[in-house]
C-alpha atoms as a PDB file:
ATOM      1  CA  MET A   1     -44.450  28.907   4.554  1.00  0.00           C
ATOM      2  CA  THR A   2     -43.996  26.944   7.759  1.00  0.00           C
ATOM      3  CA  GLN A   3     -46.535  24.559   9.119  1.00  0.00           C
ATOM      4  CA  GLN A   4     -47.215  24.266  12.823  1.00  0.00           C
ATOM      5  CA  LEU A   5     -47.579  20.727  14.131  1.00  0.00           C
ATOM      6  CA  SER A   6     -49.460  19.789  17.221  1.00  0.00           C
ATOM      7  CA  ALA A   7     -47.675  17.958  20.016  1.00  0.00           C
ATOM      8  CA  ALA A   8     -49.253  14.639  19.036  1.00  0.00           C
ATOM      9  CA  GLU A   9     -48.211  15.037  15.408  1.00  0.00           C
ATOM     10  CA  ALA A  10     -44.649  16.011  16.414  1.00  0.00           C
ATOM     11  CA  ALA A  11     -44.385  12.964  18.684  1.00  0.00           C
ATOM     12  CA  ALA A  12     -45.570  10.732  15.842  1.00  0.00           C
ATOM     13  CA  VAL A  13     -42.903  12.161  13.489  1.00  0.00           C
ATOM     14  CA  VAL A  14     -40.139  11.689  16.074  1.00  0.00           C
ATOM     15  CA  ASN A  15     -41.150   8.111  16.905  1.00  0.00           C
ATOM     16  CA  GLU A  16     -41.435   7.044  13.265  1.00  0.00           C
ATOM     17  CA  PRO A  17     -38.620   4.667  12.249  1.00  0.00           C
ATOM     18  CA  ILE A  18     -36.379   5.935   9.459  1.00  0.00           C
ATOM     19  CA  GLY A  19     -34.934   2.585   8.382  1.00  0.00           C
ATOM     20  CA  ASP A  20     -34.255  -0.932   9.549  1.00  0.00           C
ATOM     21  CA  LEU A  21     -31.559  -0.662  12.200  1.00  0.00           C
ATOM     22  CA  ASN A  22     -30.830  -4.402  12.221  1.00  0.00           C
ATOM     23  CA  ALA A  23     -30.241  -4.465   8.453  1.00  0.00           C
ATOM     24  CA  ASP A  24     -27.974  -1.407   8.679  1.00  0.00           C
ATOM     25  CA  LEU A  25     -25.898  -2.996  11.453  1.00  0.00           C
ATOM     26  CA  ALA A  26     -25.652  -6.306   9.565  1.00  0.00           C
ATOM     27  CA  ARG A  27     -24.441  -4.492   6.435  1.00  0.00           C
ATOM     28  CA  ALA A  28     -21.833  -2.602   8.459  1.00  0.00           C
ATOM     29  CA  ALA A  29     -20.605  -5.813  10.147  1.00  0.00           C
ATOM     30  CA  ARG A  30     -19.845  -7.573   6.826  1.00  0.00           C
ATOM     31  CA  PRO A  31     -16.133  -8.320   6.318  1.00  0.00           C
ATOM     32  CA  THR A  32     -14.133  -6.589   3.625  1.00  0.00           C
ATOM     33  CA  SER A  33     -14.480  -8.122   0.174  1.00  0.00           C
ATOM     34  CA  ARG A  34     -11.629  -9.832  -1.680  1.00  0.00           C
ATOM     35  CA  ILE A  35     -11.632  -7.141  -4.392  1.00  0.00           C
ATOM     36  CA  THR A  36     -11.102  -4.444  -1.790  1.00  0.00           C
ATOM     37  CA  LEU A  37      -8.204  -6.365  -0.240  1.00  0.00           C
ATOM     38  CA  VAL A  38      -6.532  -6.919  -3.633  1.00  0.00           C
ATOM     39  CA  LEU A  39      -6.874  -3.252  -4.546  1.00  0.00           C
ATOM     40  CA  ALA A  40      -5.484  -2.206  -1.165  1.00  0.00           C
ATOM     41  CA  ALA A  41      -2.497  -4.542  -1.620  1.00  0.00           C
ATOM     42  CA  LEU A  42      -1.832  -3.095  -5.083  1.00  0.00           C
ATOM     43  CA  VAL A  43      -1.942   0.445  -3.728  1.00  0.00           C
ATOM     44  CA  VAL A  44       0.495  -0.482  -0.950  1.00  0.00           C
ATOM     45  CA  PHE A  45       2.828  -2.155  -3.474  1.00  0.00           C
ATOM     46  CA  VAL A  46       2.822   0.888  -5.768  1.00  0.00           C
ATOM     47  CA  VAL A  47       3.467   3.265  -2.877  1.00  0.00           C
ATOM     48  CA  VAL A  48       6.337   1.148  -1.499  1.00  0.00           C
ATOM     49  CA  PHE A  49       7.883   0.715  -4.964  1.00  0.00           C
ATOM     50  CA  GLY A  50       7.659   4.448  -5.636  1.00  0.00           C
ATOM     51  CA  ALA A  51       9.182   5.285  -2.260  1.00  0.00           C
ATOM     52  CA  GLY A  52      12.048   2.852  -2.902  1.00  0.00           C
ATOM     53  CA  ALA A  53      12.728   4.288  -6.347  1.00  0.00           C
ATOM     54  CA  TRP A  54      12.643   7.817  -4.970  1.00  0.00           C
ATOM     55  CA  THR A  55      15.013   6.896  -2.131  1.00  0.00           C
ATOM     56  CA  HIS A  56      17.372   5.138  -4.542  1.00  0.00           C
ATOM     57  CA  ALA A  57      17.422   8.156  -6.847  1.00  0.00           C
ATOM     58  CA  LEU A  58      18.024  10.441  -3.889  1.00  0.00           C
ATOM     59  CA  LEU A  59      20.909   8.428  -2.427  1.00  0.00           C
ATOM     60  CA  SER A  60      22.628   7.222  -5.606  1.00  0.00           C
ATOM     61  CA  GLY A  61      23.737  10.689  -6.693  1.00  0.00           C
ATOM     62  CA  PRO A  62      24.095  11.953 -10.237  1.00  0.00           C
ATOM     63  CA  SER A  63      24.598   9.341 -12.928  1.00  0.00           C
ATOM     64  CA  SER A  64      27.437   9.509 -15.422  1.00  0.00           C
ATOM     65  CA  SER A  65      27.190   8.441 -19.068  1.00  0.00           C
ATOM     66  CA  GLU A  66      30.929   7.739 -19.247  1.00  0.00           C
ATOM     67  CA  GLY A  67      32.009   4.137 -18.914  1.00  0.00           C
ATOM     68  CA  PRO A  68      34.863   2.943 -16.705  1.00  0.00           C
ATOM     69  CA  SER A  69      37.310   2.945 -19.657  1.00  0.00           C
ATOM     70  CA  ALA A  70      36.817   6.613 -20.531  1.00  0.00           C
ATOM     71  CA  VAL A  71      39.897   8.610 -19.543  1.00  0.00           C
ATOM     72  CA  PRO A  72      40.183  12.375 -19.999  1.00  0.00           C
ATOM     73  CA  GLY A  73      43.408  11.959 -22.061  1.00  0.00           C
ATOM     74  CA  GLY A  74      41.877   9.350 -24.346  1.00  0.00           C
ATOM     75  CA  GLY A  75      42.728   5.660 -24.704  1.00  0.00           C
ATOM     76  CA  ASN A  76      42.356   2.910 -22.113  1.00  0.00           C
ATOM     77  CA  ARG A  77      44.247   2.620 -18.874  1.00  0.00           C
ATOM     78  CA  ALA A  78      45.626  -0.596 -17.464  1.00  0.00           C
ATOM     79  CA  ARG A  79      43.750  -2.084 -14.546  1.00  0.00           C
ATOM     80  CA  GLN A  80      44.827  -0.803 -11.187  1.00  0.00           C
ATOM     81  CA  PRO A  81      45.160  -3.017  -8.098  1.00  0.00           C
ATOM     82  CA  GLY A  82      41.882  -3.252  -6.275  1.00  0.00           C
ATOM     83  CA  GLN A  83      39.721  -3.326  -9.383  1.00  0.00           C
ATOM     84  CA  GLY A  84      38.717  -6.943  -9.065  1.00  0.00           C
ATOM     85  CA  GLU A  85      42.029  -8.705  -9.579  1.00  0.00           C
ATOM     86  CA  LEU A  86      44.030 -10.721  -7.074  1.00  0.00           C
ATOM     87  CA  VAL A  87      46.946  -8.843  -5.540  1.00  0.00           C
ATOM     88  CA  ILE A  88      49.676 -10.989  -3.935  1.00  0.00           C
ATOM     89  CA  ARG A  89      51.468  -9.222  -1.148  1.00  0.00           C
ATOM     90  CA  PRO A  90      55.204  -9.752  -0.604  1.00  0.00           C
ATOM     91  CA  GLU A  91      54.606 -10.806   2.994  1.00  0.00           C
ATOM     92  CA  GLY A  92      52.588 -13.793   1.831  1.00  0.00           C
ATOM     93  CA  GLY A  93      49.912 -13.222   4.468  1.00  0.00           C
ATOM     94  CA  GLN A  94      46.337 -12.277   3.932  1.00  0.00           C
ATOM     95  CA  GLY A  95      44.424  -9.563   5.672  1.00  0.00           C
ATOM     96  CA  GLY A  96      47.515  -7.941   7.158  1.00  0.00           C
ATOM     97  CA  GLN A  97      48.726 -11.093   8.908  1.00  0.00           C
ATOM     98  CA  ARG A  98      52.398 -11.962   8.615  1.00  0.00           C
ATOM     99  CA  PRO A  99      53.736 -15.486   8.678  1.00  0.00           C
ATOM    100  CA  PRO A 100      55.490 -16.531  11.888  1.00  0.00           C
ATOM    101  CA  GLY A 101      59.125 -15.509  12.258  1.00  0.00           C
ATOM    102  CA  ARG A 102      58.802 -12.145  10.551  1.00  0.00           C
ATOM    103  CA  GLY A 103      58.695  -8.945  12.404  1.00  0.00           C
END
């Protein structure tokens, strides 16, 4: 059932204020609370940490449960040059440089 309004009644309904515009604007202009900022920082931290872990897992490749001393034939192998020990070159130079007077 619809009710017909006269022009004067319709104008009164349209001109009637719905709320306090100044209070609504003041509430919208309030700065963000400290709780909201802390929660936003936590969310950012979790997202960045998760993205870093995912990227690390993606780029590191498959992991192996065998240690460096496990050899297919069994036993331990001696350390090879380049595995953290100092290797003295016969030329006496370092980094590919030869001492003066040699070739």
